[in-house]
Amino acid sequence: MPVKINYQKVGVIIPCYKVSKHIANVIKSIPAKIAHIIIVDDACPENSGKIASKVSRKNLHIIYRKKNGGVGAAMAAGFEKAIQLKLDVVVKIDGDGQMDASQIDKFILPIAKNRADYVKGNRFENTESIRKMPFVRLFGNSLLSFFVKLASGYWNIFDPTNGYTAVRVKTLQKLKLNKIPKGYFYESGMLIRLNIINAVVKDVNLPAIYGDENSSLKISKVIVQFPFKLFFGFAKRILLKYFIYNFNMASVYLLLGLPVFVISIVSGAYFWIKSIKTGIPSSAGTIMLVALPIIISFQMLLQALNIDINSVPEKTDEDNE
């Protein structure tokens, strides 16, 4: 049975920073059936918000931030507005023209069918899009996807930095919007926070568009900042999901396996360095005393990982009724 979407309860959020050349056309490309468009001028030096305000469009809401805070800060402001407007679903697209607004329904539908709480684009399902994608982006996204899967717990998604997303407003109300990562880590950090509240995330196939826009995501910042942010995000998720909000066999495996694994590795390194310095090989008993705990604890960690992989939030049949 076809699902009827109430477009009067749907909004689009467009964070704006240095997109003055594209923002007007982006607004015009959004289907007229979408009731609300929320423009967040993130202290843009090009006055993207003022340019957007000149576009003739009903229910065009312009938010001006006094200080640039990054895409996450802009989205938090947009989310607050969406909650005030009592919308059901909000879609996020960028203001640089990289995202095809005609694809919006693909993002709304899984939420309308109650199959997802958060929907994101995936450019890697389309072979033609992959061929057009710059090699640096392709390699970087592939590598980053694995680490975001590990940190966020969403092993079913790919292309984590894709900014074309949609979210249920009721899900936003469960999040602390002031805790959403403010800068380049927004998309990945959002996934980590969504997993903590057991939100269901789905990918949708999305063709990539590359024009004359300049990407504000610098490779150097990704290399320097992302590993630390992903590690702390992963640690927080594990602590909350497996030791604060719940306790299961993954918790047991982590509680026993992690300290034993670390202690065994350190002990093994100590005996190895000692044997090099003295020239006396470690005895078979010493080697087994170190190796056996490493093997056993590593198996425990693998079991914990397996449980995490099989614990990706999903909608049940009861949820879909």
C-alpha atoms as a PDB file:
ATOM      1  CA  MET A   1       0.000   0.000   0.000  1.00  0.00           C
ATOM      2  CA  PRO A   2       1.481   3.375  -1.044  1.00  0.00           C
ATOM      3  CA  VAL A   3       2.542   5.650   1.798  1.00  0.00           C
ATOM      4  CA  LYS A   4       1.138   9.161   1.743  1.00  0.00           C
ATOM      5  CA  ILE A   5       3.717  11.781   2.703  1.00  0.00           C
ATOM      6  CA  ASN A   6       2.498  14.914   4.450  1.00  0.00           C
ATOM      7  CA  TYR A   7       4.767  17.440   2.761  1.00  0.00           C
ATOM      8  CA  GLN A   8       3.366  20.209   4.969  1.00  0.00           C
ATOM      9  CA  LYS A   9       5.364  18.581   7.767  1.00  0.00           C
ATOM     10  CA  VAL A  10       8.578  18.270   5.749  1.00  0.00           C
ATOM     11  CA  GLY A  11      11.389  20.787   5.754  1.00  0.00           C
ATOM     12  CA  VAL A  12      14.804  21.200   4.135  1.00  0.00           C
ATOM     13  CA  ILE A  13      17.778  22.621   6.022  1.00  0.00           C
ATOM     14  CA  ILE A  14      20.584  24.227   4.026  1.00  0.00           C
ATOM     15  CA  PRO A  15      23.719  25.259   5.974  1.00  0.00           C
ATOM     16  CA  CYS A  16      25.420  28.099   4.112  1.00  0.00           C
ATOM     17  CA  TYR A  17      29.057  29.120   4.099  1.00  0.00           C
ATOM     18  CA  LYS A  18      30.710  30.586   1.007  1.00  0.00           C
ATOM     19  CA  VAL A  19      27.990  29.306  -1.338  1.00  0.00           C
ATOM     20  CA  SER A  20      26.803  32.650  -2.726  1.00  0.00           C
ATOM     21  CA  LYS A  21      27.262  31.436  -6.319  1.00  0.00           C
ATOM     22  CA  HIS A  22      24.999  28.442  -5.853  1.00  0.00           C
ATOM     23  CA  ILE A  23      22.485  29.070  -3.062  1.00  0.00           C
ATOM     24  CA  ALA A  24      19.768  30.747  -5.163  1.00  0.00           C
ATOM     25  CA  ASN A  25      19.711  27.900  -7.694  1.00  0.00           C
ATOM     26  CA  VAL A  26      19.740  25.310  -4.909  1.00  0.00           C
ATOM     27  CA  ILE A  27      16.641  26.874  -3.329  1.00  0.00           C
ATOM     28  CA  LYS A  28      14.888  27.046  -6.697  1.00  0.00           C
ATOM     29  CA  SER A  29      15.666  23.356  -7.315  1.00  0.00           C
ATOM     30  CA  ILE A  30      13.824  22.190  -4.190  1.00  0.00           C
ATOM     31  CA  PRO A  31      10.388  20.788  -5.165  1.00  0.00           C
ATOM     32  CA  ALA A  32       7.502  23.195  -4.491  1.00  0.00           C
ATOM     33  CA  LYS A  33       5.669  20.516  -2.451  1.00  0.00           C
ATOM     34  CA  ILE A  34       8.274  20.850   0.330  1.00  0.00           C
ATOM     35  CA  ALA A  35       6.590  23.167   2.843  1.00  0.00           C
ATOM     36  CA  HIS A  36       9.559  24.737   4.634  1.00  0.00           C
ATOM     37  CA  ILE A  37      13.118  25.666   3.713  1.00  0.00           C
ATOM     38  CA  ILE A  38      15.462  26.639   6.543  1.00  0.00           C
ATOM     39  CA  ILE A  39      18.565  28.564   5.490  1.00  0.00           C
ATOM     40  CA  VAL A  40      21.327  28.819   8.092  1.00  0.00           C
ATOM     41  CA  ASP A  41      23.879  31.499   7.254  1.00  0.00           C
ATOM     42  CA  ASP A  42      26.872  30.362   9.305  1.00  0.00           C
ATOM     43  CA  ALA A  43      28.443  33.835   9.491  1.00  0.00           C
ATOM     44  CA  CYS A  44      29.117  33.547   5.771  1.00  0.00           C
ATOM     45  CA  PRO A  45      31.528  36.268   4.527  1.00  0.00           C
ATOM     46  CA  GLU A  46      29.747  36.180   1.151  1.00  0.00           C
ATOM     47  CA  ASN A  47      26.345  36.989   2.712  1.00  0.00           C
ATOM     48  CA  SER A  48      24.770  33.793   1.405  1.00  0.00           C
ATOM     49  CA  GLY A  49      21.771  34.311   3.705  1.00  0.00           C
ATOM     50  CA  LYS A  50      20.932  37.713   2.219  1.00  0.00           C
ATOM     51  CA  ILE A  51      21.208  36.289  -1.288  1.00  0.00           C
ATOM     52  CA  ALA A  52      18.902  33.438  -0.288  1.00  0.00           C
ATOM     53  CA  SER A  53      16.353  35.862   1.186  1.00  0.00           C
ATOM     54  CA  LYS A  54      15.885  37.452  -2.249  1.00  0.00           C
ATOM     55  CA  VAL A  55      14.595  34.176  -3.717  1.00  0.00           C
ATOM     56  CA  SER A  56      10.814  34.157  -4.017  1.00  0.00           C
ATOM     57  CA  ARG A  57       9.749  31.125  -2.017  1.00  0.00           C
ATOM     58  CA  LYS A  58       6.963  30.581   0.513  1.00  0.00           C
ATOM     59  CA  ASN A  59       7.986  29.644   4.082  1.00  0.00           C
ATOM     60  CA  LEU A  60      11.651  30.461   3.563  1.00  0.00           C
ATOM     61  CA  HIS A  61      13.209  30.803   7.014  1.00  0.00           C
ATOM     62  CA  ILE A  62      16.596  32.532   7.263  1.00  0.00           C
ATOM     63  CA  ILE A  63      18.762  32.063  10.360  1.00  0.00           C
ATOM     64  CA  TYR A  64      21.880  34.212  10.753  1.00  0.00           C
ATOM     65  CA  ARG A  65      24.617  32.947  13.062  1.00  0.00           C
ATOM     66  CA  LYS A  66      26.863  35.661  14.463  1.00  0.00           C
ATOM     67  CA  LYS A  67      29.915  33.409  14.615  1.00  0.00           C
ATOM     68  CA  ASN A  68      30.999  30.680  12.218  1.00  0.00           C
ATOM     69  CA  GLY A  69      30.712  27.324  13.964  1.00  0.00           C
ATOM     70  CA  GLY A  70      30.878  24.784  11.153  1.00  0.00           C
ATOM     71  CA  VAL A  71      28.236  22.595   9.573  1.00  0.00           C
ATOM     72  CA  GLY A  72      27.322  20.906  12.869  1.00  0.00           C
ATOM     73  CA  ALA A  73      26.583  24.206  14.603  1.00  0.00           C
ATOM     74  CA  ALA A  74      24.560  25.371  11.597  1.00  0.00           C
ATOM     75  CA  MET A  75      22.571  22.126  11.570  1.00  0.00           C
ATOM     76  CA  ALA A  76      21.875  22.357  15.311  1.00  0.00           C
ATOM     77  CA  ALA A  77      20.358  25.806  14.702  1.00  0.00           C
ATOM     78  CA  GLY A  78      18.325  24.407  11.807  1.00  0.00           C
ATOM     79  CA  PHE A  79      17.141  21.458  13.893  1.00  0.00           C
ATOM     80  CA  GLU A  80      15.950  23.794  16.650  1.00  0.00           C
ATOM     81  CA  LYS A  81      13.916  25.708  14.075  1.00  0.00           C
ATOM     82  CA  ALA A  82      12.445  22.479  12.692  1.00  0.00           C
ATOM     83  CA  ILE A  83      11.328  21.483  16.196  1.00  0.00           C
ATOM     84  CA  GLN A  84       9.758  24.922  16.696  1.00  0.00           C
ATOM     85  CA  LEU A  85       7.881  24.517  13.403  1.00  0.00           C
ATOM     86  CA  LYS A  86       6.658  21.078  14.606  1.00  0.00           C
ATOM     87  CA  LEU A  87       7.872  19.327  11.455  1.00  0.00           C
ATOM     88  CA  ASP A  88       7.944  15.544  11.119  1.00  0.00           C
ATOM     89  CA  VAL A  89      10.984  15.155   8.851  1.00  0.00           C
ATOM     90  CA  VAL A  90      13.863  17.419   7.870  1.00  0.00           C
ATOM     91  CA  VAL A  91      16.219  16.863   4.966  1.00  0.00           C
ATOM     92  CA  LYS A  92      19.713  18.326   4.935  1.00  0.00           C
ATOM     93  CA  ILE A  93      21.307  19.335   1.659  1.00  0.00           C
ATOM     94  CA  ASP A  94      24.350  21.513   1.032  1.00  0.00           C
ATOM     95  CA  GLY A  95      24.198  24.917  -0.559  1.00  0.00           C
ATOM     96  CA  ASP A  96      26.948  24.285  -3.109  1.00  0.00           C
ATOM     97  CA  GLY A  97      24.853  22.504  -5.727  1.00  0.00           C
ATOM     98  CA  GLN A  98      26.453  19.076  -5.268  1.00  0.00           C
ATOM     99  CA  MET A  99      23.189  17.437  -4.217  1.00  0.00           C
ATOM    100  CA  ASP A 100      20.272  16.696  -6.531  1.00  0.00           C
ATOM    101  CA  ALA A 101      17.133  18.067  -4.848  1.00  0.00           C
ATOM    102  CA  SER A 102      14.934  15.870  -7.047  1.00  0.00           C
ATOM    103  CA  GLN A 103      16.138  12.916  -4.949  1.00  0.00           C
ATOM    104  CA  ILE A 104      14.529  14.228  -1.741  1.00  0.00           C
ATOM    105  CA  ASP A 105      11.636  11.730  -1.796  1.00  0.00           C
ATOM    106  CA  LYS A 106      14.116   8.844  -1.622  1.00  0.00           C
ATOM    107  CA  PHE A 107      15.208  10.168   1.767  1.00  0.00           C
ATOM    108  CA  ILE A 108      11.753  10.909   3.141  1.00  0.00           C
ATOM    109  CA  LEU A 109      10.106   7.616   2.145  1.00  0.00           C
ATOM    110  CA  PRO A 110      11.987   5.209   4.488  1.00  0.00           C
ATOM    111  CA  ILE A 111      11.095   7.492   7.415  1.00  0.00           C
ATOM    112  CA  ALA A 112       7.466   7.825   6.284  1.00  0.00           C
ATOM    113  CA  LYS A 113       7.265   4.016   6.088  1.00  0.00           C
ATOM    114  CA  ASN A 114       8.784   3.825   9.593  1.00  0.00           C
ATOM    115  CA  ARG A 115      11.709   1.797   8.319  1.00  0.00           C
ATOM    116  CA  ALA A 116      14.300   4.314   9.451  1.00  0.00           C
ATOM    117  CA  ASP A 117      14.843   7.249  11.783  1.00  0.00           C
ATOM    118  CA  TYR A 118      17.778   8.660   9.824  1.00  0.00           C
ATOM    119  CA  VAL A 119      18.518   8.261   6.127  1.00  0.00           C
ATOM    120  CA  LYS A 120      21.766   9.140   4.378  1.00  0.00           C
ATOM    121  CA  GLY A 121      23.071   9.053   0.838  1.00  0.00           C
ATOM    122  CA  ASN A 122      25.530   6.461  -0.423  1.00  0.00           C
ATOM    123  CA  ARG A 123      27.407   7.298  -3.633  1.00  0.00           C
ATOM    124  CA  PHE A 124      29.217   3.947  -3.656  1.00  0.00           C
ATOM    125  CA  GLU A 125      26.238   1.863  -4.775  1.00  0.00           C
ATOM    126  CA  ASN A 126      26.305   3.525  -8.182  1.00  0.00           C
ATOM    127  CA  THR A 127      29.129   2.309 -10.446  1.00  0.00           C
ATOM    128  CA  GLU A 128      28.860   5.341 -12.704  1.00  0.00           C
ATOM    129  CA  SER A 129      29.172   7.701  -9.729  1.00  0.00           C
ATOM    130  CA  ILE A 130      32.264   5.866  -8.494  1.00  0.00           C
ATOM    131  CA  ARG A 131      33.939   6.319 -11.876  1.00  0.00           C
ATOM    132  CA  LYS A 132      33.293  10.074 -11.743  1.00  0.00           C
ATOM    133  CA  MET A 133      34.470  10.413  -8.145  1.00  0.00           C
ATOM    134  CA  PRO A 134      37.973  11.896  -7.684  1.00  0.00           C
ATOM    135  CA  PHE A 135      40.432   9.205  -6.566  1.00  0.00           C
ATOM    136  CA  VAL A 136      41.348  11.033  -3.352  1.00  0.00           C
ATOM    137  CA  ARG A 137      37.687  11.143  -2.297  1.00  0.00           C
ATOM    138  CA  LEU A 138      37.158   7.515  -3.277  1.00  0.00           C
ATOM    139  CA  PHE A 139      40.139   6.237  -1.309  1.00  0.00           C
ATOM    140  CA  GLY A 140      39.493   8.508   1.662  1.00  0.00           C
ATOM    141  CA  ASN A 141      35.832   7.554   1.917  1.00  0.00           C
ATOM    142  CA  SER A 142      36.613   3.842   1.694  1.00  0.00           C
ATOM    143  CA  LEU A 143      39.148   4.018   4.504  1.00  0.00           C
ATOM    144  CA  LEU A 144      37.071   6.360   6.624  1.00  0.00           C
ATOM    145  CA  SER A 145      33.942   4.229   6.184  1.00  0.00           C
ATOM    146  CA  PHE A 146      35.502   1.286   8.024  1.00  0.00           C
ATOM    147  CA  PHE A 147      36.580   3.374  11.013  1.00  0.00           C
ATOM    148  CA  VAL A 148      33.204   5.132  11.200  1.00  0.00           C
ATOM    149  CA  LYS A 149      31.479   1.729  11.130  1.00  0.00           C
ATOM    150  CA  LEU A 150      33.614   0.682  14.091  1.00  0.00           C
ATOM    151  CA  ALA A 151      33.114   3.927  15.999  1.00  0.00           C
ATOM    152  CA  SER A 152      29.395   4.351  15.313  1.00  0.00           C
ATOM    153  CA  GLY A 153      28.256   0.713  15.390  1.00  0.00           C
ATOM    154  CA  TYR A 154      26.396   1.118  12.081  1.00  0.00           C
ATOM    155  CA  TRP A 155      28.050  -1.707  10.180  1.00  0.00           C
ATOM    156  CA  ASN A 156      25.296  -1.576   7.540  1.00  0.00           C
ATOM    157  CA  ILE A 157      26.168   1.860   6.128  1.00  0.00           C
ATOM    158  CA  PHE A 158      28.823   3.255   3.839  1.00  0.00           C
ATOM    159  CA  ASP A 159      30.009   6.678   2.624  1.00  0.00           C
ATOM    160  CA  PRO A 160      29.811   8.184   6.151  1.00  0.00           C
ATOM    161  CA  THR A 161      30.782  11.727   5.160  1.00  0.00           C
ATOM    162  CA  ASN A 162      27.866  12.032   2.732  1.00  0.00           C
ATOM    163  CA  GLY A 163      25.996  15.147   3.813  1.00  0.00           C
ATOM    164  CA  TYR A 164      22.707  14.408   2.043  1.00  0.00           C
ATOM    165  CA  THR A 165      20.560  13.195   4.943  1.00  0.00           C
ATOM    166  CA  ALA A 166      17.057  13.120   6.398  1.00  0.00           C
ATOM    167  CA  VAL A 167      16.016  12.659   9.997  1.00  0.00           C
ATOM    168  CA  ARG A 168      12.821  12.177  11.958  1.00  0.00           C
ATOM    169  CA  VAL A 169      12.220  15.232  14.166  1.00  0.00           C
ATOM    170  CA  LYS A 170      11.121  13.003  17.073  1.00  0.00           C
ATOM    171  CA  THR A 171      14.584  11.430  16.889  1.00  0.00           C
ATOM    172  CA  LEU A 172      16.180  14.873  17.091  1.00  0.00           C
ATOM    173  CA  GLN A 173      14.229  15.553  20.266  1.00  0.00           C
ATOM    174  CA  LYS A 174      15.991  12.601  21.902  1.00  0.00           C
ATOM    175  CA  LEU A 175      19.390  14.084  21.100  1.00  0.00           C
ATOM    176  CA  LYS A 176      21.137  16.896  22.917  1.00  0.00           C
ATOM    177  CA  LEU A 177      21.520  19.290  20.010  1.00  0.00           C
ATOM    178  CA  ASN A 178      24.200  21.301  21.798  1.00  0.00           C
ATOM    179  CA  LYS A 179      26.331  18.120  21.899  1.00  0.00           C
ATOM    180  CA  ILE A 180      26.278  17.585  18.137  1.00  0.00           C
ATOM    181  CA  PRO A 181      29.823  17.935  16.709  1.00  0.00           C
ATOM    182  CA  LYS A 182      30.184  21.431  15.299  1.00  0.00           C
ATOM    183  CA  GLY A 183      32.743  21.132  12.497  1.00  0.00           C
ATOM    184  CA  TYR A 184      33.879  18.641   9.873  1.00  0.00           C
ATOM    185  CA  PHE A 185      33.172  15.707  12.183  1.00  0.00           C
ATOM    186  CA  TYR A 186      29.428  16.432  12.109  1.00  0.00           C
ATOM    187  CA  GLU A 187      28.272  13.534   9.883  1.00  0.00           C
ATOM    188  CA  SER A 188      30.386  10.895  11.655  1.00  0.00           C
ATOM    189  CA  GLY A 189      29.664  12.268  15.115  1.00  0.00           C
ATOM    190  CA  MET A 190      25.955  12.351  14.361  1.00  0.00           C
ATOM    191  CA  LEU A 191      26.025   8.620  13.567  1.00  0.00           C
ATOM    192  CA  ILE A 192      27.736   7.855  16.874  1.00  0.00           C
ATOM    193  CA  ARG A 193      25.116   9.810  18.827  1.00  0.00           C
ATOM    194  CA  LEU A 194      22.271   8.204  16.879  1.00  0.00           C
ATOM    195  CA  ASN A 195      23.552   4.724  17.710  1.00  0.00           C
ATOM    196  CA  ILE A 196      23.640   5.545  21.413  1.00  0.00           C
ATOM    197  CA  ILE A 197      19.870   6.217  21.310  1.00  0.00           C
ATOM    198  CA  ASN A 198      19.286   3.153  19.075  1.00  0.00           C
ATOM    199  CA  ALA A 199      18.081   5.119  16.067  1.00  0.00           C
ATOM    200  CA  VAL A 200      17.692   3.110  12.858  1.00  0.00           C
ATOM    201  CA  VAL A 201      19.911   4.358  10.015  1.00  0.00           C
ATOM    202  CA  LYS A 202      19.521   3.419   6.350  1.00  0.00           C
ATOM    203  CA  ASP A 203      21.496   4.186   3.191  1.00  0.00           C
ATOM    204  CA  VAL A 204      19.900   5.184  -0.106  1.00  0.00           C
ATOM    205  CA  ASN A 205      21.581   5.053  -3.483  1.00  0.00           C
ATOM    206  CA  LEU A 206      22.634   8.512  -4.569  1.00  0.00           C
ATOM    207  CA  PRO A 207      24.466   9.678  -7.698  1.00  0.00           C
ATOM    208  CA  ALA A 208      27.373  12.025  -7.040  1.00  0.00           C
ATOM    209  CA  ILE A 209      27.516  15.484  -8.612  1.00  0.00           C
ATOM    210  CA  TYR A 210      30.794  17.377  -9.028  1.00  0.00           C
ATOM    211  CA  GLY A 211      30.860  20.861 -10.460  1.00  0.00           C
ATOM    212  CA  ASP A 212      32.937  23.994  -9.904  1.00  0.00           C
ATOM    213  CA  GLU A 213      32.394  24.006  -6.125  1.00  0.00           C
ATOM    214  CA  ASN A 214      35.334  24.008  -3.720  1.00  0.00           C
ATOM    215  CA  SER A 215      35.230  21.426  -0.973  1.00  0.00           C
ATOM    216  CA  SER A 216      35.814  22.896   2.483  1.00  0.00           C
ATOM    217  CA  LEU A 217      36.871  19.509   3.857  1.00  0.00           C
ATOM    218  CA  LYS A 218      40.658  19.479   4.000  1.00  0.00           C
ATOM    219  CA  ILE A 219      42.518  16.162   3.915  1.00  0.00           C
ATOM    220  CA  SER A 220      45.012  17.422   6.500  1.00  0.00           C
ATOM    221  CA  LYS A 221      42.229  18.101   8.986  1.00  0.00           C
ATOM    222  CA  VAL A 222      40.746  14.657   8.416  1.00  0.00           C
ATOM    223  CA  ILE A 223      44.092  12.944   9.016  1.00  0.00           C
ATOM    224  CA  VAL A 224      44.893  14.975  12.138  1.00  0.00           C
ATOM    225  CA  GLN A 225      41.481  15.334  13.795  1.00  0.00           C
ATOM    226  CA  PHE A 226      39.333  12.371  12.785  1.00  0.00           C
ATOM    227  CA  PRO A 227      41.354   9.520  14.426  1.00  0.00           C
ATOM    228  CA  PHE A 228      41.118  11.142  17.864  1.00  0.00           C
ATOM    229  CA  LYS A 229      37.480  12.112  17.462  1.00  0.00           C
ATOM    230  CA  LEU A 230      36.554   8.627  16.238  1.00  0.00           C
ATOM    231  CA  PHE A 231      38.448   6.979  19.100  1.00  0.00           C
ATOM    232  CA  PHE A 232      36.761   9.086  21.782  1.00  0.00           C
ATOM    233  CA  GLY A 233      33.391   8.681  20.054  1.00  0.00           C
ATOM    234  CA  PHE A 234      33.882   4.907  19.965  1.00  0.00           C
ATOM    235  CA  ALA A 235      34.923   4.813  23.646  1.00  0.00           C
ATOM    236  CA  LYS A 236      31.892   6.865  24.668  1.00  0.00           C
ATOM    237  CA  ARG A 237      29.500   4.680  22.667  1.00  0.00           C
ATOM    238  CA  ILE A 238      30.900   1.448  24.116  1.00  0.00           C
ATOM    239  CA  LEU A 239      30.793   2.819  27.666  1.00  0.00           C
ATOM    240  CA  LEU A 240      27.199   4.002  27.384  1.00  0.00           C
ATOM    241  CA  LYS A 241      25.746   1.138  25.346  1.00  0.00           C
ATOM    242  CA  TYR A 242      27.503  -1.786  27.020  1.00  0.00           C
ATOM    243  CA  PHE A 243      28.123  -0.627  30.582  1.00  0.00           C
ATOM    244  CA  ILE A 244      25.679   2.179  31.447  1.00  0.00           C
ATOM    245  CA  TYR A 245      22.467   1.598  29.483  1.00  0.00           C
ATOM    246  CA  ASN A 246      22.884  -2.156  29.104  1.00  0.00           C
ATOM    247  CA  PHE A 247      25.067  -5.098  30.142  1.00  0.00           C
ATOM    248  CA  ASN A 248      25.333  -8.249  28.038  1.00  0.00           C
ATOM    249  CA  MET A 249      27.901 -10.802  26.860  1.00  0.00           C
ATOM    250  CA  ALA A 250      29.714  -8.147  24.816  1.00  0.00           C
ATOM    251  CA  SER A 251      30.193  -6.270  28.088  1.00  0.00           C
ATOM    252  CA  VAL A 252      31.645  -9.401  29.723  1.00  0.00           C
ATOM    253  CA  TYR A 253      33.996 -10.085  26.826  1.00  0.00           C
ATOM    254  CA  LEU A 254      35.214  -6.476  26.865  1.00  0.00           C
ATOM    255  CA  LEU A 255      35.549  -6.370  30.632  1.00  0.00           C
ATOM    256  CA  LEU A 256      37.685  -9.513  30.693  1.00  0.00           C
ATOM    257  CA  GLY A 257      39.321  -9.476  27.283  1.00  0.00           C
ATOM    258  CA  LEU A 258      40.530  -5.890  26.968  1.00  0.00           C
ATOM    259  CA  PRO A 259      42.662  -5.634  30.148  1.00  0.00           C
ATOM    260  CA  VAL A 260      44.093  -9.145  29.669  1.00  0.00           C
ATOM    261  CA  PHE A 261      44.963  -8.350  26.040  1.00  0.00           C
ATOM    262  CA  VAL A 262      46.680  -5.054  26.944  1.00  0.00           C
ATOM    263  CA  ILE A 263      48.599  -6.547  29.894  1.00  0.00           C
ATOM    264  CA  SER A 264      49.698  -9.547  27.793  1.00  0.00           C
ATOM    265  CA  ILE A 265      50.902  -7.341  24.932  1.00  0.00           C
ATOM    266  CA  VAL A 266      52.869  -5.137  27.338  1.00  0.00           C
ATOM    267  CA  SER A 267      54.338  -8.218  29.057  1.00  0.00           C
ATOM    268  CA  GLY A 268      55.275  -9.757  25.717  1.00  0.00           C
ATOM    269  CA  ALA A 269      56.985  -6.535  24.647  1.00  0.00           C
ATOM    270  CA  TYR A 270      58.895  -6.451  27.939  1.00  0.00           C
ATOM    271  CA  PHE A 271      60.211 -10.014  27.590  1.00  0.00           C
ATOM    272  CA  TRP A 272      61.040  -9.457  23.921  1.00  0.00           C
ATOM    273  CA  ILE A 273      63.080  -6.298  24.656  1.00  0.00           C
ATOM    274  CA  LYS A 274      64.744  -8.029  27.609  1.00  0.00           C
ATOM    275  CA  SER A 275      65.820 -10.978  25.459  1.00  0.00           C
ATOM    276  CA  ILE A 276      67.260  -8.602  22.841  1.00  0.00           C
ATOM    277  CA  LYS A 277      69.259  -6.673  25.438  1.00  0.00           C
ATOM    278  CA  THR A 278      70.588  -9.765  27.255  1.00  0.00           C
ATOM    279  CA  GLY A 279      70.950 -11.993  24.217  1.00  0.00           C
ATOM    280  CA  ILE A 280      69.181 -14.763  26.153  1.00  0.00           C
ATOM    281  CA  PRO A 281      66.078 -16.148  24.391  1.00  0.00           C
ATOM    282  CA  SER A 282      62.897 -16.355  26.473  1.00  0.00           C
ATOM    283  CA  SER A 283      61.970 -19.845  27.568  1.00  0.00           C
ATOM    284  CA  ALA A 284      59.114 -21.761  25.943  1.00  0.00           C
ATOM    285  CA  GLY A 285      57.177 -21.477  29.197  1.00  0.00           C
ATOM    286  CA  THR A 286      57.504 -17.686  29.224  1.00  0.00           C
ATOM    287  CA  ILE A 287      56.413 -17.463  25.596  1.00  0.00           C
ATOM    288  CA  MET A 288      53.332 -19.625  26.264  1.00  0.00           C
ATOM    289  CA  LEU A 289      52.556 -17.610  29.397  1.00  0.00           C
ATOM    290  CA  VAL A 290      52.317 -14.520  27.218  1.00  0.00           C
ATOM    291  CA  ALA A 291      50.921 -16.016  24.011  1.00  0.00           C
ATOM    292  CA  LEU A 292      48.018 -17.966  25.524  1.00  0.00           C
ATOM    293  CA  PRO A 293      46.371 -14.954  27.255  1.00  0.00           C
ATOM    294  CA  ILE A 294      46.836 -12.920  24.054  1.00  0.00           C
ATOM    295  CA  ILE A 295      45.064 -15.566  21.979  1.00  0.00           C
ATOM    296  CA  ILE A 296      42.234 -16.058  24.455  1.00  0.00           C
ATOM    297  CA  SER A 297      41.672 -12.339  25.100  1.00  0.00           C
ATOM    298  CA  PHE A 298      41.820 -11.579  21.372  1.00  0.00           C
ATOM    299  CA  GLN A 299      39.095 -14.170  20.794  1.00  0.00           C
ATOM    300  CA  MET A 300      37.010 -12.443  23.478  1.00  0.00           C
ATOM    301  CA  LEU A 301      37.421  -9.096  21.724  1.00  0.00           C
ATOM    302  CA  LEU A 302      36.419 -10.677  18.411  1.00  0.00           C
ATOM    303  CA  GLN A 303      33.299 -12.094  20.072  1.00  0.00           C
ATOM    304  CA  ALA A 304      32.455  -8.641  21.451  1.00  0.00           C
ATOM    305  CA  LEU A 305      32.932  -7.184  17.951  1.00  0.00           C
ATOM    306  CA  ASN A 306      30.682  -9.873  16.479  1.00  0.00           C
ATOM    307  CA  ILE A 307      27.937  -9.030  18.983  1.00  0.00           C
ATOM    308  CA  ASP A 308      28.294  -5.342  18.124  1.00  0.00           C
ATOM    309  CA  ILE A 309      28.032  -6.074  14.387  1.00  0.00           C
ATOM    310  CA  ASN A 310      24.858  -8.077  14.994  1.00  0.00           C
ATOM    311  CA  SER A 311      23.392  -5.353  17.212  1.00  0.00           C
ATOM    312  CA  VAL A 312      22.830  -2.722  14.520  1.00  0.00           C
ATOM    313  CA  PRO A 313      19.490  -1.040  15.399  1.00  0.00           C
ATOM    314  CA  GLU A 314      16.632  -2.283  13.216  1.00  0.00           C
ATOM    315  CA  LYS A 315      12.885  -1.710  13.066  1.00  0.00           C
ATOM    316  CA  THR A 316      10.805  -4.672  14.254  1.00  0.00           C
ATOM    317  CA  ASP A 317       7.515  -5.830  12.708  1.00  0.00           C
ATOM    318  CA  GLU A 318       5.714  -4.239  15.656  1.00  0.00           C
ATOM    319  CA  ASP A 319       7.348  -0.900  14.893  1.00  0.00           C
ATOM    320  CA  ASN A 320       6.098  -1.043  11.310  1.00  0.00           C
ATOM    321  CA  GLU A 321       2.491  -1.798  12.264  1.00  0.00           C
END
